[in-house]
Structures are given as C-alpha cells and as structure tokens.
Amino acid sequence: MGRNIVTSEQCFHLLISQDGCSSGVPQGSVLGPLLFITYISPISSIASNFGVSLQQYADDTQLYLCTSSRDLTSNLNTLELCLTSLPHR
C-alpha cells in the first residue's frame, strides 16, 4: 500500500491504493447489489469503533478524521489501524 499525505490549507488526505482485483461479480448480475451490500456492510461499524467518520454514496466510501496539526501523527495511525482492520477479501 502506498501512503501519500496531501495537504491543502487545514485538510489532510491519506491516499491509499491497492492494485489488482482477484475476485468480483459480473456487471449486471442479479445478485450483484446484494453481494455488494454484504461486502461493504462491516465498514461503518469498524470505522465507528476507531472514531473514524465515514461518508458513503453508491460505490464510493470516504473515511476521514478531523484533526489538528499537533494530533496529525496519532490520528493518521488511528486511520491506518482502522483501514488494516477492514476485511480483505
């Protein structure tokens, strides 16, 4: 996983990308929506366990923390722990 921190005024973005996809559901599948919901359902509870805020729309998920510059390292570590706690399928 790559870890880049992009700063813009008081906003810090942690960009993590993971290349490759080893599984999936064919587009247009009848079970596709149900399987997708089942796949993403644990994200919100895991995020809340770490105090990480979350926004979801369609197939886009954004995890974020409000932080000050003095707490940045601690909060980035919390966000990283949250991300590594998500199930990798």
PDB file of N, CA and C in Angstrom:
ATOM      1  N   MET A   1       0.829  -1.182   0.000  1.00  0.00           N
ATOM      2  CA  MET A   1       0.000   0.000   0.000  1.00  0.00           C
ATOM      3  C   MET A   1       0.871   1.243   0.000  1.00  0.00           C
ATOM      4  N   GLY A   2       0.532   2.214  -0.819  1.00  0.00           N
ATOM      5  CA  GLY A   2       1.244   3.472  -0.814  1.00  0.00           C
ATOM      6  C   GLY A   2       0.631   4.422   0.190  1.00  0.00           C
ATOM      7  N   ARG A   3       1.424   5.312   0.705  1.00  0.00           N
ATOM      8  CA  ARG A   3       0.921   6.265   1.700  1.00  0.00           C
ATOM      9  C   ARG A   3       1.412   7.649   1.331  1.00  0.00           C
ATOM     10  N   ASN A   4       0.521   8.475   0.853  1.00  0.00           N
ATOM     11  CA  ASN A   4       0.858   9.846   0.487  1.00  0.00           C
ATOM     12  C   ASN A   4      -0.027  10.779   1.289  1.00  0.00           C
ATOM     13  N   ILE A   5       0.550  11.814   1.829  1.00  0.00           N
ATOM     14  CA  ILE A   5      -0.228  12.815   2.538  1.00  0.00           C
ATOM     15  C   ILE A   5      -0.203  14.088   1.713  1.00  0.00           C
ATOM     16  N   VAL A   6      -1.374  14.524   1.309  1.00  0.00           N
ATOM     17  CA  VAL A   6      -1.509  15.728   0.509  1.00  0.00           C
ATOM     18  C   VAL A   6      -2.129  16.788   1.399  1.00  0.00           C
ATOM     19  N   THR A   7      -1.475  17.935   1.542  1.00  0.00           N
ATOM     20  CA  THR A   7      -2.012  18.975   2.408  1.00  0.00           C
ATOM     21  C   THR A   7      -2.580  20.111   1.573  1.00  0.00           C
ATOM     22  N   SER A   8      -3.688  20.605   2.030  1.00  0.00           N
ATOM     23  CA  SER A   8      -4.339  21.735   1.386  1.00  0.00           C
ATOM     24  C   SER A   8      -5.001  22.553   2.487  1.00  0.00           C
ATOM     25  N   GLU A   9      -4.468  23.701   2.796  1.00  0.00           N
ATOM     26  CA  GLU A   9      -4.918  24.525   3.901  1.00  0.00           C
ATOM     27  C   GLU A   9      -4.913  23.685   5.173  1.00  0.00           C
ATOM     28  N   GLN A  10      -6.057  23.443   5.784  1.00  0.00           N
ATOM     29  CA  GLN A  10      -6.142  22.670   7.018  1.00  0.00           C
ATOM     30  C   GLN A  10      -6.631  21.246   6.768  1.00  0.00           C
ATOM     31  N   CYS A  11      -6.585  20.795   5.530  1.00  0.00           N
ATOM     32  CA  CYS A  11      -7.139  19.489   5.184  1.00  0.00           C
ATOM     33  C   CYS A  11      -6.015  18.522   4.828  1.00  0.00           C
ATOM     34  N   PHE A  12      -6.025  17.355   5.421  1.00  0.00           N
ATOM     35  CA  PHE A  12      -5.026  16.333   5.148  1.00  0.00           C
ATOM     36  C   PHE A  12      -5.722  15.127   4.535  1.00  0.00           C
ATOM     37  N   HIS A  13      -5.228  14.620   3.433  1.00  0.00           N
ATOM     38  CA  HIS A  13      -5.820  13.475   2.752  1.00  0.00           C
ATOM     39  C   HIS A  13      -4.809  12.334   2.768  1.00  0.00           C
ATOM     40  N   LEU A  14      -5.243  11.165   3.179  1.00  0.00           N
ATOM     41  CA  LEU A  14      -4.397   9.983   3.121  1.00  0.00           C
ATOM     42  C   LEU A  14      -4.893   9.155   1.950  1.00  0.00           C
ATOM     43  N   LEU A  15      -4.049   9.001   0.949  1.00  0.00           N
ATOM     44  CA  LEU A  15      -4.431   8.280  -0.254  1.00  0.00           C
ATOM     45  C   LEU A  15      -3.787   6.907  -0.232  1.00  0.00           C
ATOM     46  N   ILE A  16      -4.618   5.886  -0.249  1.00  0.00           N
ATOM     47  CA  ILE A  16      -4.102   4.525  -0.240  1.00  0.00           C
ATOM     48  C   ILE A  16      -4.678   3.800  -1.438  1.00  0.00           C
ATOM     49  N   SER A  17      -3.807   3.197  -2.218  1.00  0.00           N
ATOM     50  CA  SER A  17      -4.280   2.455  -3.382  1.00  0.00           C
ATOM     51  C   SER A  17      -3.801   1.025  -3.292  1.00  0.00           C
ATOM     52  N   GLN A  18      -4.629   0.135  -3.751  1.00  0.00           N
ATOM     53  CA  GLN A  18      -4.278  -1.269  -3.782  1.00  0.00           C
ATOM     54  C   GLN A  18      -4.536  -1.750  -5.196  1.00  0.00           C
ATOM     55  N   ASP A  19      -3.485  -2.188  -5.874  1.00  0.00           N
ATOM     56  CA  ASP A  19      -3.608  -2.601  -7.268  1.00  0.00           C
ATOM     57  C   ASP A  19      -4.102  -4.039  -7.357  1.00  0.00           C
ATOM     58  N   GLY A  20      -4.819  -4.292  -8.424  1.00  0.00           N
ATOM     59  CA  GLY A  20      -5.255  -5.656  -8.698  1.00  0.00           C
ATOM     60  C   GLY A  20      -6.576  -5.993  -8.046  1.00  0.00           C
ATOM     61  N   CYS A  21      -7.246  -6.934  -8.634  1.00  0.00           N
ATOM     62  CA  CYS A  21      -8.520  -7.415  -8.128  1.00  0.00           C
ATOM     63  C   CYS A  21      -8.572  -8.914  -8.392  1.00  0.00           C
ATOM     64  N   SER A  22      -8.716  -9.685  -7.337  1.00  0.00           N
ATOM     65  CA  SER A  22      -8.675 -11.136  -7.502  1.00  0.00           C
ATOM     66  C   SER A  22     -10.052 -11.781  -7.568  1.00  0.00           C
ATOM     67  N   SER A  23     -11.095 -11.011  -7.331  1.00  0.00           N
ATOM     68  CA  SER A  23     -12.442 -11.577  -7.379  1.00  0.00           C
ATOM     69  C   SER A  23     -13.435 -10.488  -7.735  1.00  0.00           C
ATOM     70  N   GLY A  24     -14.663 -10.874  -7.968  1.00  0.00           N
ATOM     71  CA  GLY A  24     -15.678  -9.888  -8.286  1.00  0.00           C
ATOM     72  C   GLY A  24     -16.971 -10.532  -8.731  1.00  0.00           C
ATOM     73  N   VAL A  25     -17.918  -9.707  -9.080  1.00  0.00           N
ATOM     74  CA  VAL A  25     -19.224 -10.138  -9.539  1.00  0.00           C
ATOM     75  C   VAL A  25     -19.426  -9.528 -10.920  1.00  0.00           C
ATOM     76  N   PRO A  26     -19.867 -10.320 -11.892  1.00  0.00           N
ATOM     77  CA  PRO A  26     -20.077  -9.762 -13.234  1.00  0.00           C
ATOM     78  C   PRO A  26     -21.068  -8.598 -13.216  1.00  0.00           C
ATOM     79  N   GLN A  27     -20.783  -7.578 -13.999  1.00  0.00           N
ATOM     80  CA  GLN A  27     -21.668  -6.427 -14.085  1.00  0.00           C
ATOM     81  C   GLN A  27     -23.024  -6.865 -14.607  1.00  0.00           C
ATOM     82  N   GLY A  28     -24.097  -6.370 -13.998  1.00  0.00           N
ATOM     83  CA  GLY A  28     -25.451  -6.715 -14.415  1.00  0.00           C
ATOM     84  C   GLY A  28     -25.983  -7.973 -13.754  1.00  0.00           C
ATOM     85  N   SER A  29     -25.218  -8.564 -12.856  1.00  0.00           N
ATOM     86  CA  SER A  29     -25.636  -9.769 -12.157  1.00  0.00           C
ATOM     87  C   SER A  29     -26.835  -9.470 -11.257  1.00  0.00           C
ATOM     88  N   VAL A  30     -27.759 -10.416 -11.168  1.00  0.00           N
ATOM     89  CA  VAL A  30     -28.935 -10.246 -10.305  1.00  0.00           C
ATOM     90  C   VAL A  30     -28.504 -10.177  -8.841  1.00  0.00           C
ATOM     91  N   LEU A  31     -27.489 -10.924  -8.473  1.00  0.00           N
ATOM     92  CA  LEU A  31     -27.013 -10.927  -7.091  1.00  0.00           C
ATOM     93  C   LEU A  31     -26.032  -9.797  -6.798  1.00  0.00           C
ATOM     94  N   GLY A  32     -25.606  -9.078  -7.807  1.00  0.00           N
ATOM     95  CA  GLY A  32     -24.608  -8.030  -7.631  1.00  0.00           C
ATOM     96  C   GLY A  32     -24.893  -7.047  -6.515  1.00  0.00           C
ATOM     97  N   PRO A  33     -26.065  -6.391  -6.504  1.00  0.00           N
ATOM     98  CA  PRO A  33     -26.346  -5.417  -5.440  1.00  0.00           C
ATOM     99  C   PRO A  33     -26.335  -6.029  -4.040  1.00  0.00           C
ATOM    100  N   LEU A  34     -26.899  -7.221  -3.895  1.00  0.00           N
ATOM    101  CA  LEU A  34     -26.917  -7.878  -2.591  1.00  0.00           C
ATOM    102  C   LEU A  34     -25.501  -8.245  -2.136  1.00  0.00           C
ATOM    103  N   LEU A  35     -24.700  -8.767  -3.042  1.00  0.00           N
ATOM    104  CA  LEU A  35     -23.324  -9.120  -2.697  1.00  0.00           C
ATOM    105  C   LEU A  35     -22.498  -7.884  -2.359  1.00  0.00           C
ATOM    106  N   PHE A  36     -22.735  -6.786  -3.070  1.00  0.00           N
ATOM    107  CA  PHE A  36     -22.012  -5.540  -2.797  1.00  0.00           C
ATOM    108  C   PHE A  36     -22.353  -5.022  -1.401  1.00  0.00           C
ATOM    109  N   ILE A  37     -23.638  -5.001  -1.049  1.00  0.00           N
ATOM    110  CA  ILE A  37     -24.066  -4.530   0.275  1.00  0.00           C
ATOM    111  C   ILE A  37     -23.476  -5.418   1.367  1.00  0.00           C
ATOM    112  N   THR A  38     -23.471  -6.724   1.130  1.00  0.00           N
ATOM    113  CA  THR A  38     -22.881  -7.649   2.098  1.00  0.00           C
ATOM    114  C   THR A  38     -21.392  -7.385   2.261  1.00  0.00           C
ATOM    115  N   TYR A  39     -20.731  -7.068   1.173  1.00  0.00           N
ATOM    116  CA  TYR A  39     -19.282  -6.825   1.187  1.00  0.00           C
ATOM    117  C   TYR A  39     -18.929  -5.551   1.961  1.00  0.00           C
ATOM    118  N   ILE A  40     -19.697  -4.473   1.789  1.00  0.00           N
ATOM    119  CA  ILE A  40     -19.340  -3.196   2.420  1.00  0.00           C
ATOM    120  C   ILE A  40     -19.998  -2.985   3.782  1.00  0.00           C
ATOM    121  N   SER A  41     -20.909  -3.848   4.188  1.00  0.00           N
ATOM    122  CA  SER A  41     -21.652  -3.616   5.428  1.00  0.00           C
ATOM    123  C   SER A  41     -20.788  -3.463   6.679  1.00  0.00           C
ATOM    124  N   PRO A  42     -19.673  -4.184   6.837  1.00  0.00           N
ATOM    125  CA  PRO A  42     -18.904  -4.007   8.081  1.00  0.00           C
ATOM    126  C   PRO A  42     -18.116  -2.705   8.152  1.00  0.00           C
ATOM    127  N   ILE A  43     -17.995  -1.973   7.070  1.00  0.00           N
ATOM    128  CA  ILE A  43     -17.141  -0.774   7.063  1.00  0.00           C
ATOM    129  C   ILE A  43     -17.584   0.260   8.087  1.00  0.00           C
ATOM    130  N   SER A  44     -18.880   0.555   8.165  1.00  0.00           N
ATOM    131  CA  SER A  44     -19.336   1.621   9.063  1.00  0.00           C
ATOM    132  C   SER A  44     -19.139   1.258  10.530  1.00  0.00           C
ATOM    133  N   SER A  45     -19.372   0.019  10.910  1.00  0.00           N
ATOM    134  CA  SER A  45     -19.184  -0.354  12.321  1.00  0.00           C
ATOM    135  C   SER A  45     -17.702  -0.374  12.695  1.00  0.00           C
ATOM    136  N   ILE A  46     -16.840  -0.824  11.797  1.00  0.00           N
ATOM    137  CA  ILE A  46     -15.403  -0.823  12.078  1.00  0.00           C
ATOM    138  C   ILE A  46     -14.900   0.615  12.204  1.00  0.00           C
ATOM    139  N   ALA A  47     -15.331   1.487  11.293  1.00  0.00           N
ATOM    140  CA  ALA A  47     -14.916   2.895  11.349  1.00  0.00           C
ATOM    141  C   ALA A  47     -15.356   3.541  12.660  1.00  0.00           C
ATOM    142  N   SER A  48     -16.594   3.295  13.088  1.00  0.00           N
ATOM    143  CA  SER A  48     -17.073   3.911  14.325  1.00  0.00           C
ATOM    144  C   SER A  48     -16.334   3.372  15.546  1.00  0.00           C
ATOM    145  N   ASN A  49     -15.886   2.114  15.505  1.00  0.00           N
ATOM    146  CA  ASN A  49     -15.095   1.561  16.612  1.00  0.00           C
ATOM    147  C   ASN A  49     -13.786   2.322  16.807  1.00  0.00           C
ATOM    148  N   PHE A  50     -13.257   2.896  15.750  1.00  0.00           N
ATOM    149  CA  PHE A  50     -11.999   3.650  15.825  1.00  0.00           C
ATOM    150  C   PHE A  50     -12.234   5.156  15.919  1.00  0.00           C
ATOM    151  N   GLY A  51     -13.495   5.590  15.940  1.00  0.00           N
ATOM    152  CA  GLY A  51     -13.794   7.018  15.985  1.00  0.00           C
ATOM    153  C   GLY A  51     -13.555   7.714  14.664  1.00  0.00           C
ATOM    154  N   VAL A  52     -13.562   6.957  13.577  1.00  0.00           N
ATOM    155  CA  VAL A  52     -13.341   7.496  12.234  1.00  0.00           C
ATOM    156  C   VAL A  52     -14.699   7.794  11.601  1.00  0.00           C
ATOM    157  N   SER A  53     -14.836   8.971  11.017  1.00  0.00           N
ATOM    158  CA  SER A  53     -16.076   9.346  10.344  1.00  0.00           C
ATOM    159  C   SER A  53     -16.115   8.736   8.951  1.00  0.00           C
ATOM    160  N   LEU A  54     -17.317   8.631   8.404  1.00  0.00           N
ATOM    161  CA  LEU A  54     -17.479   7.934   7.140  1.00  0.00           C
ATOM    162  C   LEU A  54     -18.617   8.550   6.347  1.00  0.00           C
ATOM    163  N   GLN A  55     -18.417   8.630   5.050  1.00  0.00           N
ATOM    164  CA  GLN A  55     -19.473   9.022   4.106  1.00  0.00           C
ATOM    165  C   GLN A  55     -19.501   7.978   3.007  1.00  0.00           C
ATOM    166  N   GLN A  56     -20.704   7.542   2.648  1.00  0.00           N
ATOM    167  CA  GLN A  56     -20.846   6.576   1.565  1.00  0.00           C
ATOM    168  C   GLN A  56     -21.915   7.065   0.598  1.00  0.00           C
ATOM    169  N   TYR A  57     -21.626   6.901  -0.670  1.00  0.00           N
ATOM    170  CA  TYR A  57     -22.591   7.189  -1.721  1.00  0.00           C
ATOM    171  C   TYR A  57     -22.331   6.214  -2.859  1.00  0.00           C
ATOM    172  N   ALA A  58     -23.336   5.444  -3.197  1.00  0.00           N
ATOM    173  CA  ALA A  58     -23.221   4.422  -4.245  1.00  0.00           C
ATOM    174  C   ALA A  58     -22.030   3.521  -3.923  1.00  0.00           C
ATOM    175  N   ASP A  59     -21.034   3.453  -4.793  1.00  0.00           N
ATOM    176  CA  ASP A  59     -19.887   2.583  -4.534  1.00  0.00           C
ATOM    177  C   ASP A  59     -18.659   3.361  -4.067  1.00  0.00           C
ATOM    178  N   ASP A  60     -18.868   4.564  -3.553  1.00  0.00           N
ATOM    179  CA  ASP A  60     -17.769   5.402  -3.082  1.00  0.00           C
ATOM    180  C   ASP A  60     -17.829   5.496  -1.560  1.00  0.00           C
ATOM    181  N   THR A  61     -16.723   5.243  -0.897  1.00  0.00           N
ATOM    182  CA  THR A  61     -16.634   5.344   0.567  1.00  0.00           C
ATOM    183  C   THR A  61     -15.482   6.264   0.915  1.00  0.00           C
ATOM    184  N   GLN A  62     -15.750   7.202   1.815  1.00  0.00           N
ATOM    185  CA  GLN A  62     -14.724   8.145   2.261  1.00  0.00           C
ATOM    186  C   GLN A  62     -14.621   8.040   3.779  1.00  0.00           C
ATOM    187  N   LEU A  63     -13.447   7.701   4.274  1.00  0.00           N
ATOM    188  CA  LEU A  63     -13.161   7.672   5.708  1.00  0.00           C
ATOM    189  C   LEU A  63     -12.350   8.911   6.042  1.00  0.00           C
ATOM    190  N   TYR A  64     -12.676   9.577   7.157  1.00  0.00           N
ATOM    191  CA  TYR A  64     -11.938  10.789   7.494  1.00  0.00           C
ATOM    192  C   TYR A  64     -11.958  11.053   8.990  1.00  0.00           C
ATOM    193  N   LEU A  65     -10.990  11.827   9.432  1.00  0.00           N
ATOM    194  CA  LEU A  65     -10.867  12.292  10.805  1.00  0.00           C
ATOM    195  C   LEU A  65     -10.625  13.791  10.788  1.00  0.00           C
ATOM    196  N   CYS A  66     -11.252  14.498  11.690  1.00  0.00           N
ATOM    197  CA  CYS A  66     -10.929  15.916  11.875  1.00  0.00           C
ATOM    198  C   CYS A  66      -9.775  15.964  12.869  1.00  0.00           C
ATOM    199  N   THR A  67      -8.761  16.722  12.546  1.00  0.00           N
ATOM    200  CA  THR A  67      -7.562  16.725  13.385  1.00  0.00           C
ATOM    201  C   THR A  67      -6.869  18.079  13.352  1.00  0.00           C
ATOM    202  N   SER A  68      -6.041  18.274  14.345  1.00  0.00           N
ATOM    203  CA  SER A  68      -5.170  19.454  14.354  1.00  0.00           C
ATOM    204  C   SER A  68      -3.778  18.986  13.942  1.00  0.00           C
ATOM    205  N   SER A  69      -2.917  19.908  13.619  1.00  0.00           N
ATOM    206  CA  SER A  69      -1.574  19.534  13.175  1.00  0.00           C
ATOM    207  C   SER A  69      -0.782  18.839  14.284  1.00  0.00           C
ATOM    208  N   ARG A  70      -1.046  19.164  15.538  1.00  0.00           N
ATOM    209  CA  ARG A  70      -0.309  18.515  16.633  1.00  0.00           C
ATOM    210  C   ARG A  70      -0.758  17.067  16.851  1.00  0.00           C
ATOM    211  N   ASP A  71      -1.987  16.716  16.451  1.00  0.00           N
ATOM    212  CA  ASP A  71      -2.503  15.350  16.606  1.00  0.00           C
ATOM    213  C   ASP A  71      -2.448  14.557  15.305  1.00  0.00           C
ATOM    214  N   LEU A  72      -1.833  15.117  14.291  1.00  0.00           N
ATOM    215  CA  LEU A  72      -1.843  14.503  12.961  1.00  0.00           C
ATOM    216  C   LEU A  72      -1.257  13.091  12.962  1.00  0.00           C
ATOM    217  N   THR A  73      -0.090  12.914  13.541  1.00  0.00           N
ATOM    218  CA  THR A  73       0.557  11.600  13.536  1.00  0.00           C
ATOM    219  C   THR A  73      -0.293  10.558  14.249  1.00  0.00           C
ATOM    220  N   SER A  74      -0.812  10.910  15.398  1.00  0.00           N
ATOM    221  CA  SER A  74      -1.659   9.995  16.161  1.00  0.00           C
ATOM    222  C   SER A  74      -2.918   9.618  15.379  1.00  0.00           C
ATOM    223  N   ASN A  75      -3.553  10.624  14.758  1.00  0.00           N
ATOM    224  CA  ASN A  75      -4.780  10.361  14.008  1.00  0.00           C
ATOM    225  C   ASN A  75      -4.515   9.584  12.719  1.00  0.00           C
ATOM    226  N   LEU A  76      -3.377   9.813  12.083  1.00  0.00           N
ATOM    227  CA  LEU A  76      -3.030   9.012  10.904  1.00  0.00           C
ATOM    228  C   LEU A  76      -2.808   7.554  11.289  1.00  0.00           C
ATOM    229  N   ASN A  77      -2.197   7.338  12.447  1.00  0.00           N
ATOM    230  CA  ASN A  77      -2.012   5.973  12.932  1.00  0.00           C
ATOM    231  C   ASN A  77      -3.360   5.316  13.230  1.00  0.00           C
ATOM    232  N   THR A  78      -4.292   6.065  13.812  1.00  0.00           N
ATOM    233  CA  THR A  78      -5.632   5.551  14.067  1.00  0.00           C
ATOM    234  C   THR A  78      -6.328   5.194  12.766  1.00  0.00           C
ATOM    235  N   LEU A  79      -6.223   6.064  11.776  1.00  0.00           N
ATOM    236  CA  LEU A  79      -6.845   5.805  10.477  1.00  0.00           C
ATOM    237  C   LEU A  79      -6.216   4.579   9.816  1.00  0.00           C
ATOM    238  N   GLU A  80      -4.914   4.450   9.922  1.00  0.00           N
ATOM    239  CA  GLU A  80      -4.232   3.294   9.344  1.00  0.00           C
ATOM    240  C   GLU A  80      -4.657   1.997  10.045  1.00  0.00           C
ATOM    241  N   LEU A  81      -4.786   2.030  11.367  1.00  0.00           N
ATOM    242  CA  LEU A  81      -5.275   0.853  12.099  1.00  0.00           C
ATOM    243  C   LEU A  81      -6.690   0.484  11.673  1.00  0.00           C
ATOM    244  N   CYS A  82      -7.511   1.496  11.485  1.00  0.00           N
ATOM    245  CA  CYS A  82      -8.881   1.263  11.018  1.00  0.00           C
ATOM    246  C   CYS A  82      -8.875   0.584   9.659  1.00  0.00           C
ATOM    247  N   LEU A  83      -8.076   1.101   8.741  1.00  0.00           N
ATOM    248  CA  LEU A  83      -8.014   0.528   7.387  1.00  0.00           C
ATOM    249  C   LEU A  83      -7.477  -0.886   7.386  1.00  0.00           C
ATOM    250  N   THR A  84      -6.494  -1.170   8.231  1.00  0.00           N
ATOM    251  CA  THR A  84      -5.959  -2.534   8.269  1.00  0.00           C
ATOM    252  C   THR A  84      -6.914  -3.498   8.972  1.00  0.00           C
ATOM    253  N   SER A  85      -7.872  -2.971   9.724  1.00  0.00           N
ATOM    254  CA  SER A  85      -8.869  -3.829  10.371  1.00  0.00           C
ATOM    255  C   SER A  85      -9.994  -4.241   9.438  1.00  0.00           C
ATOM    256  N   LEU A  86     -10.109  -3.552   8.309  1.00  0.00           N
ATOM    257  CA  LEU A  86     -11.160  -3.918   7.349  1.00  0.00           C
ATOM    258  C   LEU A  86     -10.827  -5.269   6.740  1.00  0.00           C
ATOM    259  N   PRO A  87     -11.831  -6.118   6.574  1.00  0.00           N
ATOM    260  CA  PRO A  87     -11.563  -7.440   5.984  1.00  0.00           C
ATOM    261  C   PRO A  87     -11.087  -7.304   4.549  1.00  0.00           C
ATOM    262  N   HIS A  88     -10.052  -8.026   4.213  1.00  0.00           N
ATOM    263  CA  HIS A  88      -9.521  -8.033   2.837  1.00  0.00           C
ATOM    264  C   HIS A  88      -9.969  -9.319   2.183  1.00  0.00           C
ATOM    265  N   ARG A  89     -10.826  -9.193   1.195  1.00  0.00           N
ATOM    266  CA  ARG A  89     -11.355 -10.385   0.520  1.00  0.00           C
ATOM    267  C   ARG A  89     -10.799 -10.463  -0.852  1.00  0.00           C
TER     268      ARG A  89
END
